[in-house]
């Protein structure tokens, strides 16, 4: 018998309801759901770091263009 895994975060429990599997009268959430949510958090974090790297590069390009414009005056 599989026991139901308690998830304390409200949005995760809502997500868990979407992924519950009805089986012989039992509804259960597997540990895979928790791992899935952690993977989503990791992906969000990686995307955040990529965006920060892109913003830093864009800022550097703007600084170079600004210095070129100021140098031509």
N, C-alpha and C. Protein backbone atom coordinates (compact mmCIF):
# COMPACT_ATOMS: atom_id res chain seq x y z
N UNK A 1 0.83 -1.18 0.00
CA UNK A 1 0.00 0.00 0.00
C UNK A 1 0.88 1.25 0.00
N UNK A 2 0.50 2.22 -0.79
CA UNK A 2 1.24 3.46 -0.86
C UNK A 2 0.55 4.50 0.01
N UNK A 3 1.33 5.18 0.82
CA UNK A 3 0.78 6.22 1.68
C UNK A 3 0.84 7.56 0.95
N UNK A 4 -0.07 8.40 1.35
CA UNK A 4 -0.11 9.72 0.72
C UNK A 4 1.00 10.59 1.30
N UNK A 5 1.74 11.25 0.41
CA UNK A 5 2.83 12.13 0.83
C UNK A 5 2.23 13.50 1.10
N UNK A 6 2.46 14.03 2.28
CA UNK A 6 1.94 15.35 2.63
C UNK A 6 2.85 16.42 2.05
N UNK A 7 2.26 17.36 1.36
CA UNK A 7 3.00 18.49 0.82
C UNK A 7 2.41 19.73 1.45
N UNK A 8 3.25 20.53 2.05
CA UNK A 8 2.75 21.65 2.87
C UNK A 8 2.56 22.93 2.08
N UNK A 9 3.24 23.08 0.95
CA UNK A 9 3.07 24.29 0.17
C UNK A 9 1.75 24.22 -0.58
N UNK A 10 0.90 25.25 -0.49
CA UNK A 10 -0.43 25.18 -1.11
C UNK A 10 -0.39 24.96 -2.61
N UNK A 11 0.52 25.66 -3.32
CA UNK A 11 0.52 25.51 -4.77
C UNK A 11 1.02 24.12 -5.15
N UNK A 12 1.94 23.56 -4.36
CA UNK A 12 2.41 22.21 -4.65
C UNK A 12 1.31 21.19 -4.40
N UNK A 13 0.47 21.43 -3.39
CA UNK A 13 -0.60 20.47 -3.14
C UNK A 13 -1.65 20.55 -4.26
N UNK A 14 -1.85 21.77 -4.80
CA UNK A 14 -2.75 21.89 -5.95
C UNK A 14 -2.17 21.15 -7.15
N UNK A 15 -0.87 21.29 -7.33
CA UNK A 15 -0.20 20.57 -8.42
C UNK A 15 -0.29 19.07 -8.19
N UNK A 16 -0.18 18.68 -6.92
CA UNK A 16 -0.24 17.26 -6.59
C UNK A 16 -1.61 16.69 -6.92
N UNK A 17 -2.65 17.49 -6.72
CA UNK A 17 -4.00 17.00 -7.03
C UNK A 17 -4.14 16.71 -8.52
N UNK A 18 -3.43 17.50 -9.34
CA UNK A 18 -3.49 17.26 -10.78
C UNK A 18 -2.80 15.96 -11.16
N UNK A 19 -1.79 15.57 -10.38
CA UNK A 19 -0.99 14.40 -10.74
C UNK A 19 -1.34 13.16 -9.93
N UNK A 20 -2.45 13.21 -9.16
CA UNK A 20 -2.80 12.03 -8.38
C UNK A 20 -3.32 10.94 -9.31
N UNK A 21 -3.07 9.71 -8.93
CA UNK A 21 -3.46 8.56 -9.75
C UNK A 21 -4.50 7.77 -8.98
N UNK A 22 -5.73 7.69 -9.47
CA UNK A 22 -6.72 6.89 -8.77
C UNK A 22 -6.41 5.40 -8.95
N UNK A 23 -6.33 4.65 -7.86
CA UNK A 23 -5.95 3.23 -7.96
C UNK A 23 -6.62 2.46 -6.84
N UNK A 24 -7.60 1.66 -7.19
CA UNK A 24 -8.32 0.80 -6.25
C UNK A 24 -8.78 1.60 -5.02
N UNK A 25 -9.40 2.75 -5.29
CA UNK A 25 -9.95 3.54 -4.20
C UNK A 25 -8.94 4.39 -3.45
N UNK A 26 -7.66 4.31 -3.80
CA UNK A 26 -6.63 5.09 -3.10
C UNK A 26 -6.12 6.19 -4.02
N UNK A 27 -5.96 7.35 -3.45
CA UNK A 27 -5.27 8.41 -4.19
C UNK A 27 -3.93 8.61 -3.51
N UNK A 28 -2.88 8.61 -4.28
CA UNK A 28 -1.56 8.77 -3.67
C UNK A 28 -0.72 9.69 -4.51
N UNK A 29 0.15 10.38 -3.87
CA UNK A 29 1.15 11.19 -4.57
C UNK A 29 2.50 10.53 -4.37
N UNK A 30 3.20 10.37 -5.44
CA UNK A 30 4.50 9.71 -5.34
C UNK A 30 5.58 10.73 -5.01
N UNK A 31 6.71 10.25 -4.62
CA UNK A 31 7.85 11.13 -4.36
C UNK A 31 8.34 11.79 -5.64
N UNK A 32 7.96 11.19 -6.77
CA UNK A 32 8.38 11.77 -8.05
C UNK A 32 7.84 13.17 -8.22
N UNK A 33 6.65 13.43 -7.64
CA UNK A 33 6.07 14.77 -7.76
C UNK A 33 6.94 15.79 -7.05
N UNK A 34 7.42 15.44 -5.86
CA UNK A 34 8.29 16.35 -5.12
C UNK A 34 9.59 16.57 -5.90
N UNK A 35 10.13 15.49 -6.47
CA UNK A 35 11.35 15.63 -7.27
C UNK A 35 11.08 16.49 -8.50
N UNK A 36 9.88 16.33 -9.08
CA UNK A 36 9.48 17.12 -10.24
C UNK A 36 9.44 18.61 -9.89
N UNK A 37 8.87 18.94 -8.73
CA UNK A 37 8.79 20.35 -8.33
C UNK A 37 10.19 20.90 -8.04
N UNK A 38 11.07 20.07 -7.47
CA UNK A 38 12.43 20.53 -7.24
C UNK A 38 13.17 20.75 -8.55
N UNK A 39 12.89 19.92 -9.54
CA UNK A 39 13.50 20.12 -10.87
C UNK A 39 13.03 21.42 -11.49
N UNK A 40 11.73 21.73 -11.31
CA UNK A 40 11.20 22.99 -11.84
C UNK A 40 11.88 24.16 -11.15
N UNK A 41 12.08 24.06 -9.83
CA UNK A 41 12.77 25.13 -9.10
C UNK A 41 14.19 25.30 -9.62
N UNK A 42 14.87 24.17 -9.86
CA UNK A 42 16.24 24.24 -10.38
C UNK A 42 16.28 24.88 -11.77
N UNK A 43 15.31 24.50 -12.61
CA UNK A 43 15.27 25.08 -13.95
C UNK A 43 15.01 26.57 -13.89
N UNK A 44 14.11 26.99 -12.99
CA UNK A 44 13.86 28.43 -12.83
C UNK A 44 15.12 29.15 -12.37
N UNK A 45 15.86 28.54 -11.46
CA UNK A 45 17.09 29.15 -10.96
C UNK A 45 18.13 29.27 -12.08
N UNK A 46 18.26 28.20 -12.88
CA UNK A 46 19.22 28.24 -14.00
C UNK A 46 18.82 29.31 -15.00
N UNK A 47 17.52 29.41 -15.30
CA UNK A 47 17.06 30.45 -16.22
C UNK A 47 17.33 31.84 -15.67
N UNK A 48 17.15 32.00 -14.35
CA UNK A 48 17.44 33.29 -13.72
C UNK A 48 18.92 33.64 -13.88
N UNK A 49 19.81 32.65 -13.66
CA UNK A 49 21.24 32.92 -13.81
C UNK A 49 21.60 33.26 -15.25
N UNK A 50 20.96 32.57 -16.21
CA UNK A 50 21.22 32.87 -17.61
C UNK A 50 20.76 34.28 -17.96
N UNK A 51 19.60 34.67 -17.45
CA UNK A 51 19.10 36.02 -17.71
C UNK A 51 20.03 37.06 -17.11
N UNK A 52 20.54 36.79 -15.91
CA UNK A 52 21.46 37.74 -15.29
C UNK A 52 22.74 37.85 -16.11
N UNK A 53 23.23 36.72 -16.64
CA UNK A 53 24.44 36.76 -17.48
C UNK A 53 24.17 37.56 -18.75
N UNK A 54 22.97 37.37 -19.35
CA UNK A 54 22.64 38.12 -20.57
C UNK A 54 22.53 39.61 -20.26
N UNK A 55 21.94 39.95 -19.11
CA UNK A 55 21.82 41.37 -18.75
C UNK A 55 23.19 42.00 -18.52
N UNK A 56 24.10 41.25 -17.90
CA UNK A 56 25.45 41.78 -17.68
C UNK A 56 26.15 42.03 -19.02
N UNK A 57 25.97 41.10 -19.94
CA UNK A 57 26.60 41.26 -21.27
C UNK A 57 26.00 42.45 -22.00
N UNK A 58 24.68 42.60 -21.90
CA UNK A 58 24.02 43.73 -22.54
C UNK A 58 24.48 45.05 -21.92
N UNK A 59 24.64 45.06 -20.61
CA UNK A 59 25.13 46.26 -19.92
C UNK A 59 26.54 46.61 -20.38
N UNK A 60 27.37 45.59 -20.57
CA UNK A 60 28.74 45.83 -21.05
C UNK A 60 28.72 46.41 -22.46
N UNK A 61 27.85 45.89 -23.32
CA UNK A 61 27.74 46.40 -24.69
C UNK A 61 27.27 47.85 -24.68
N UNK A 62 26.28 48.15 -23.82
CA UNK A 62 25.79 49.53 -23.73
C UNK A 62 26.89 50.46 -23.24
N UNK A 63 27.71 50.00 -22.29
CA UNK A 63 28.82 50.82 -21.80
C UNK A 63 29.84 51.10 -22.90
N UNK A 64 30.14 50.07 -23.70
CA UNK A 64 31.10 50.25 -24.80
C UNK A 64 30.55 51.23 -25.81
N UNK A 65 29.28 51.08 -26.17
CA UNK A 65 28.67 52.01 -27.14
C UNK A 65 28.64 53.43 -26.58
N UNK A 66 28.34 53.54 -25.30
CA UNK A 66 28.29 54.86 -24.66
C UNK A 66 29.67 55.52 -24.67
N UNK A 67 30.69 54.74 -24.37
CA UNK A 67 32.05 55.32 -24.37
C UNK A 67 32.48 55.69 -25.79
N UNK A 68 32.06 54.91 -26.78
CA UNK A 68 32.38 55.27 -28.17
C UNK A 68 31.69 56.56 -28.57
N UNK A 69 30.43 56.70 -28.18
CA UNK A 69 29.68 57.91 -28.51
C UNK A 69 30.29 59.13 -27.81
N UNK A 70 30.65 58.96 -26.55
CA UNK A 70 31.24 60.06 -25.80
C UNK A 70 32.63 60.40 -26.33
N UNK A 71 33.34 59.41 -26.82
CA UNK A 71 34.68 59.64 -27.36
C UNK A 71 34.64 60.40 -28.68
N UNK A 72 33.55 60.28 -29.46
CA UNK A 72 33.45 60.94 -30.76
C UNK A 72 33.07 62.40 -30.64
N UNK A 73 32.57 62.83 -29.48
CA UNK A 73 32.14 64.24 -29.33
C UNK A 73 33.31 65.20 -29.40
